[in-house]
Amino acid sequence: MKRRTLDIVFAVGGALFAVLLLVLGLVLKNQADFAKSYVKDQLGAQQIYFQPTKTLDAEMSKVACLTKYGQGGDAAHGGGQLMTTGKMAECYANEYIGTHMKAAAKGAGYDGATYATMGTFVMAGDGSATSKSLVDQLAAATKGGDQPTIDAAQKALDTAKGLRGTLLTGETLRGLLLTSYGFSIFGDRAALAGTICMLAFALLLVLSIAGLVHAFTSKHAKDVVLAVEHKA
């Protein structure tokens, strides 16, 4: 095989592969743009603003993302920024909602509780001494007829039910926001992969052009390059 033929084969092959990389890069960029705009539109529609930095309590004021997003935003909302990105959703879900949920559980006397674990306190058990829930305790107090005991049991049950409802709402919102964050991460990865494909396309295109130029300008274009033919 002649050197010129080999140069042309590699150059054309490289050019075709470069075109494939270009198409892939454009597709990935399109998907990245879609993910970014979709997350922005969906989060923006919720009208969730970060609490202004100056109103954060001592614990939350130590969280970098909360102080960052709590300023430089809409003056009508005290400077808190409107949530529009996946990173903002992650911060709000984990640092703001998560912190409030922990505080609510601790304040109600159920430190570290979640919606699922609160079910064991609220729902009726099997009646055994080790599994009596607040419902069971209220039923037992009602059966006993002692009003102060009934009132205390009712108050404990109402507190647990209220906390469980709060945790359900908080965990649901956290899940939705973290899903948006995860979707945005896929978009970021697609954008990075698209950029790499574009760079690879440009490199291969330059090399292919260089190969074609070499094929038609080299003084050794007719040289035999395959070892078998050389020996023959």
Protein backbone atom coordinates (compact mmCIF):
# COMPACT_ATOMS: atom_id res chain seq x y z
CA MET A 1 0.00 0.00 0.00
CA LYS A 2 1.33 3.41 -0.92
CA ARG A 3 1.96 6.06 1.71
CA ARG A 4 -0.49 8.41 0.02
CA THR A 5 -3.26 5.80 0.11
CA LEU A 6 -2.62 5.08 3.77
CA ASP A 7 -2.67 8.79 4.63
CA ILE A 8 -5.98 9.24 2.82
CA VAL A 9 -7.54 6.20 4.52
CA PHE A 10 -6.59 7.42 7.99
CA ALA A 11 -7.57 11.00 7.22
CA VAL A 12 -11.01 10.06 5.88
CA GLY A 13 -11.59 7.60 8.74
CA GLY A 14 -10.60 10.22 11.27
CA ALA A 15 -12.89 12.77 9.63
CA LEU A 16 -15.86 10.39 9.74
CA PHE A 17 -15.21 9.59 13.40
CA ALA A 18 -14.90 13.32 14.10
CA VAL A 19 -18.35 13.87 12.57
CA LEU A 20 -19.79 11.18 14.84
CA LEU A 21 -18.22 12.90 17.85
CA LEU A 22 -19.68 16.22 16.70
CA VAL A 23 -23.17 14.72 16.48
CA LEU A 24 -22.81 13.09 19.89
CA GLY A 25 -21.51 16.33 21.38
CA LEU A 26 -24.46 18.30 20.00
CA VAL A 27 -26.94 15.74 21.33
CA LEU A 28 -25.36 15.81 24.78
CA LYS A 29 -25.33 19.61 24.80
CA ASN A 30 -28.99 19.65 23.83
CA GLN A 31 -29.84 17.29 26.70
CA ALA A 32 -27.77 19.35 29.12
CA ASP A 33 -29.56 22.54 28.08
CA PHE A 34 -32.92 20.80 28.47
CA ALA A 35 -32.05 19.56 31.97
CA LYS A 36 -30.86 23.00 33.04
CA SER A 37 -33.90 24.87 31.70
CA TYR A 38 -36.35 22.22 32.95
CA VAL A 39 -34.98 22.31 36.49
CA LYS A 40 -34.98 26.12 36.44
CA ASP A 41 -38.57 26.33 35.21
CA GLN A 42 -39.92 23.70 37.60
CA LEU A 43 -38.17 25.05 40.67
CA GLY A 44 -38.94 28.65 39.77
CA ALA A 45 -42.63 27.81 39.50
CA GLN A 46 -42.61 26.76 43.17
CA GLN A 47 -41.65 30.31 44.19
CA ILE A 48 -39.33 29.10 46.98
CA TYR A 49 -37.12 31.89 48.32
CA PHE A 50 -34.22 31.40 50.68
CA GLN A 51 -34.55 32.93 54.11
CA PRO A 52 -32.63 36.23 54.27
CA THR A 53 -29.18 35.79 55.78
CA LYS A 54 -29.79 38.39 58.45
CA THR A 55 -32.77 36.42 59.81
CA LEU A 56 -31.00 33.05 60.05
CA ASP A 57 -30.47 31.62 63.53
CA ALA A 58 -26.99 31.00 64.93
CA GLU A 59 -26.79 27.42 63.66
CA MET A 60 -28.01 28.09 60.13
CA SER A 61 -25.90 31.21 59.74
CA LYS A 62 -22.86 28.93 59.87
CA VAL A 63 -23.98 27.09 56.73
CA ALA A 64 -22.19 28.61 53.75
CA CYS A 65 -24.83 27.91 51.11
CA LEU A 66 -27.67 29.32 53.24
CA THR A 67 -25.81 32.57 53.85
CA LYS A 68 -24.84 32.73 50.17
CA TYR A 69 -28.36 32.25 48.80
CA GLY A 70 -29.91 34.33 51.56
CA GLN A 71 -28.54 37.54 50.08
CA GLY A 72 -28.29 39.27 46.72
CA GLY A 73 -31.83 38.29 45.76
CA ASP A 74 -35.24 39.90 45.53
CA ALA A 75 -35.55 42.87 47.90
CA ALA A 76 -39.25 42.08 48.33
CA HIS A 77 -38.20 38.83 50.01
CA GLY A 78 -35.55 40.36 52.22
CA GLY A 79 -32.75 39.62 49.82
CA GLY A 80 -33.30 35.86 49.71
CA GLN A 81 -32.73 34.36 46.27
CA LEU A 82 -35.34 32.43 44.29
CA MET A 83 -34.50 28.74 44.02
CA THR A 84 -33.71 27.97 40.38
CA THR A 85 -30.82 25.46 40.31
CA GLY A 86 -30.13 21.95 41.47
CA LYS A 87 -27.42 23.07 43.88
CA MET A 88 -29.81 25.52 45.48
CA ALA A 89 -32.40 22.75 45.83
CA GLU A 90 -29.84 20.48 47.51
CA CYS A 91 -28.88 23.22 49.96
CA TYR A 92 -32.49 24.04 50.83
CA ALA A 93 -33.45 20.37 51.22
CA ASN A 94 -30.51 19.25 53.34
CA GLU A 95 -29.55 22.35 55.28
CA TYR A 96 -32.82 24.26 55.70
CA ILE A 97 -35.62 21.70 55.70
CA GLY A 98 -33.42 18.98 57.18
CA THR A 99 -32.33 21.21 60.05
CA HIS A 100 -35.91 22.26 60.82
CA MET A 101 -37.07 18.64 60.81
CA LYS A 102 -34.35 17.64 63.28
CA ALA A 103 -35.21 20.58 65.52
CA ALA A 104 -38.93 19.76 65.40
CA ALA A 105 -38.31 16.13 66.34
CA LYS A 106 -35.98 17.07 69.19
CA GLY A 107 -38.38 19.72 70.48
CA ALA A 108 -41.23 17.22 70.58
CA GLY A 109 -39.14 14.75 72.53
CA TYR A 110 -38.42 12.38 69.64
CA ASP A 111 -34.83 13.25 68.81
CA GLY A 112 -33.73 11.73 65.48
CA ALA A 113 -37.23 10.58 64.56
CA THR A 114 -38.48 10.28 60.98
CA TYR A 115 -41.96 9.85 59.53
CA ALA A 116 -41.45 6.09 59.39
CA THR A 117 -40.19 5.71 62.95
CA MET A 118 -42.99 7.87 64.34
CA GLY A 119 -45.47 5.27 63.15
CA THR A 120 -44.36 2.91 65.90
CA PHE A 121 -45.27 5.53 68.50
CA VAL A 122 -48.60 6.60 67.03
CA MET A 123 -50.17 3.49 65.53
CA ALA A 124 -51.91 0.88 67.65
CA GLY A 125 -49.67 -2.01 68.70
CA ASP A 126 -50.51 -5.61 69.51
CA GLY A 127 -51.40 -4.78 73.07
CA SER A 128 -48.29 -6.22 74.69
CA ALA A 129 -46.45 -4.26 77.36
CA THR A 130 -43.46 -3.71 75.08
CA SER A 131 -45.37 -2.50 72.05
CA LYS A 132 -48.01 -0.20 73.47
CA SER A 133 -48.31 2.85 71.25
CA LEU A 134 -49.77 6.20 72.20
CA VAL A 135 -53.09 5.04 70.79
CA ASP A 136 -52.97 2.04 73.10
CA GLN A 137 -52.05 4.23 76.04
CA LEU A 138 -54.96 6.57 75.35
CA ALA A 139 -57.33 3.65 75.10
CA ALA A 140 -56.05 2.28 78.40
CA ALA A 141 -56.36 5.70 80.06
CA THR A 142 -59.90 6.11 78.75
CA LYS A 143 -60.80 2.70 80.08
CA GLY A 144 -59.39 3.64 83.47
CA GLY A 145 -61.54 6.75 83.60
CA ASP A 146 -58.94 9.07 85.17
CA GLN A 147 -59.37 12.42 83.38
CA PRO A 148 -55.87 13.87 84.03
CA THR A 149 -54.36 10.64 82.69
CA ILE A 150 -56.68 10.76 79.68
CA ASP A 151 -55.73 14.39 78.99
CA ALA A 152 -52.02 13.63 79.23
CA ALA A 153 -52.32 10.63 76.92
CA GLN A 154 -54.36 12.66 74.42
CA LYS A 155 -51.82 15.49 74.48
CA ALA A 156 -48.95 13.05 73.89
CA LEU A 157 -50.81 11.47 70.98
CA ASP A 158 -51.66 14.86 69.43
CA THR A 159 -48.00 15.92 69.72
CA ALA A 160 -46.79 12.74 68.04
CA LYS A 161 -49.38 13.00 65.27
CA GLY A 162 -48.49 16.64 64.66
CA LEU A 163 -44.78 15.80 64.47
CA ARG A 164 -45.46 12.89 62.15
CA GLY A 165 -47.41 15.16 59.81
CA THR A 166 -44.60 17.72 59.87
CA LEU A 167 -42.01 15.06 59.09
CA LEU A 168 -44.13 13.67 56.26
CA THR A 169 -44.40 17.11 54.65
CA GLY A 170 -40.71 17.84 55.16
CA GLU A 171 -39.49 14.51 53.85
CA THR A 172 -41.77 14.73 50.82
CA LEU A 173 -40.50 18.18 49.91
CA ARG A 174 -36.89 17.14 50.54
CA GLY A 175 -37.34 14.15 48.25
CA LEU A 176 -38.76 16.27 45.45
CA LEU A 177 -36.01 18.88 45.73
CA LEU A 178 -33.24 16.28 45.85
CA THR A 179 -34.74 14.61 42.77
CA SER A 180 -34.41 17.94 40.97
CA TYR A 181 -30.83 18.15 42.18
CA GLY A 182 -30.10 14.66 40.86
CA PHE A 183 -31.66 15.57 37.50
CA SER A 184 -29.47 18.66 37.31
CA ILE A 185 -26.36 16.56 38.00
CA PHE A 186 -27.17 14.39 34.98
CA GLY A 187 -27.40 17.58 32.97
CA ASP A 188 -24.02 18.75 34.24
CA ARG A 189 -22.44 15.42 33.33
CA ALA A 190 -23.99 15.57 29.88
CA ALA A 191 -22.60 19.08 29.38
CA LEU A 192 -19.12 17.92 30.40
CA ALA A 193 -19.29 14.88 28.10
CA GLY A 194 -20.52 17.12 25.28
CA THR A 195 -17.59 19.49 25.74
CA ILE A 196 -15.13 16.59 25.64
CA CYS A 197 -16.74 15.30 22.43
CA MET A 198 -16.46 18.76 20.85
CA LEU A 199 -12.78 19.02 21.76
CA ALA A 200 -12.12 15.53 20.42
CA PHE A 201 -13.96 16.46 17.22
CA ALA A 202 -11.81 19.54 16.74
CA LEU A 203 -8.60 17.58 17.36
CA LEU A 204 -9.52 14.76 14.98
CA LEU A 205 -10.61 17.23 12.32
CA VAL A 206 -7.26 19.03 12.48
CA LEU A 207 -5.39 15.73 12.32
CA SER A 208 -7.50 14.55 9.38
CA ILE A 209 -6.85 17.74 7.45
CA ALA A 210 -3.16 17.45 8.25
CA GLY A 211 -3.23 13.86 6.97
CA LEU A 212 -4.81 14.89 3.68
CA VAL A 213 -2.34 17.72 3.24
CA HIS A 214 0.51 15.33 3.89
CA ALA A 215 -0.89 12.80 1.43
CA PHE A 216 -0.84 15.25 -1.48
CA THR A 217 2.25 17.26 -0.63
CA SER A 218 4.75 14.75 0.75
CA LYS A 219 7.68 13.85 -1.49
CA HIS A 220 7.36 10.31 -0.20
CA ALA A 221 3.73 9.89 -1.18
CA LYS A 222 4.55 6.92 -3.40
CA ASP A 223 6.73 5.10 -0.87
CA VAL A 224 5.72 1.56 0.04
CA VAL A 225 5.04 1.35 3.76
CA LEU A 226 3.83 -2.19 4.42
CA ALA A 227 6.64 -4.42 5.57
CA VAL A 228 5.38 -7.39 3.56
CA GLU A 229 5.39 -5.46 0.30
CA HIS A 230 8.78 -3.99 1.16
CA LYS A 231 10.30 -7.44 1.50
CA ALA A 232 8.63 -8.57 -1.71
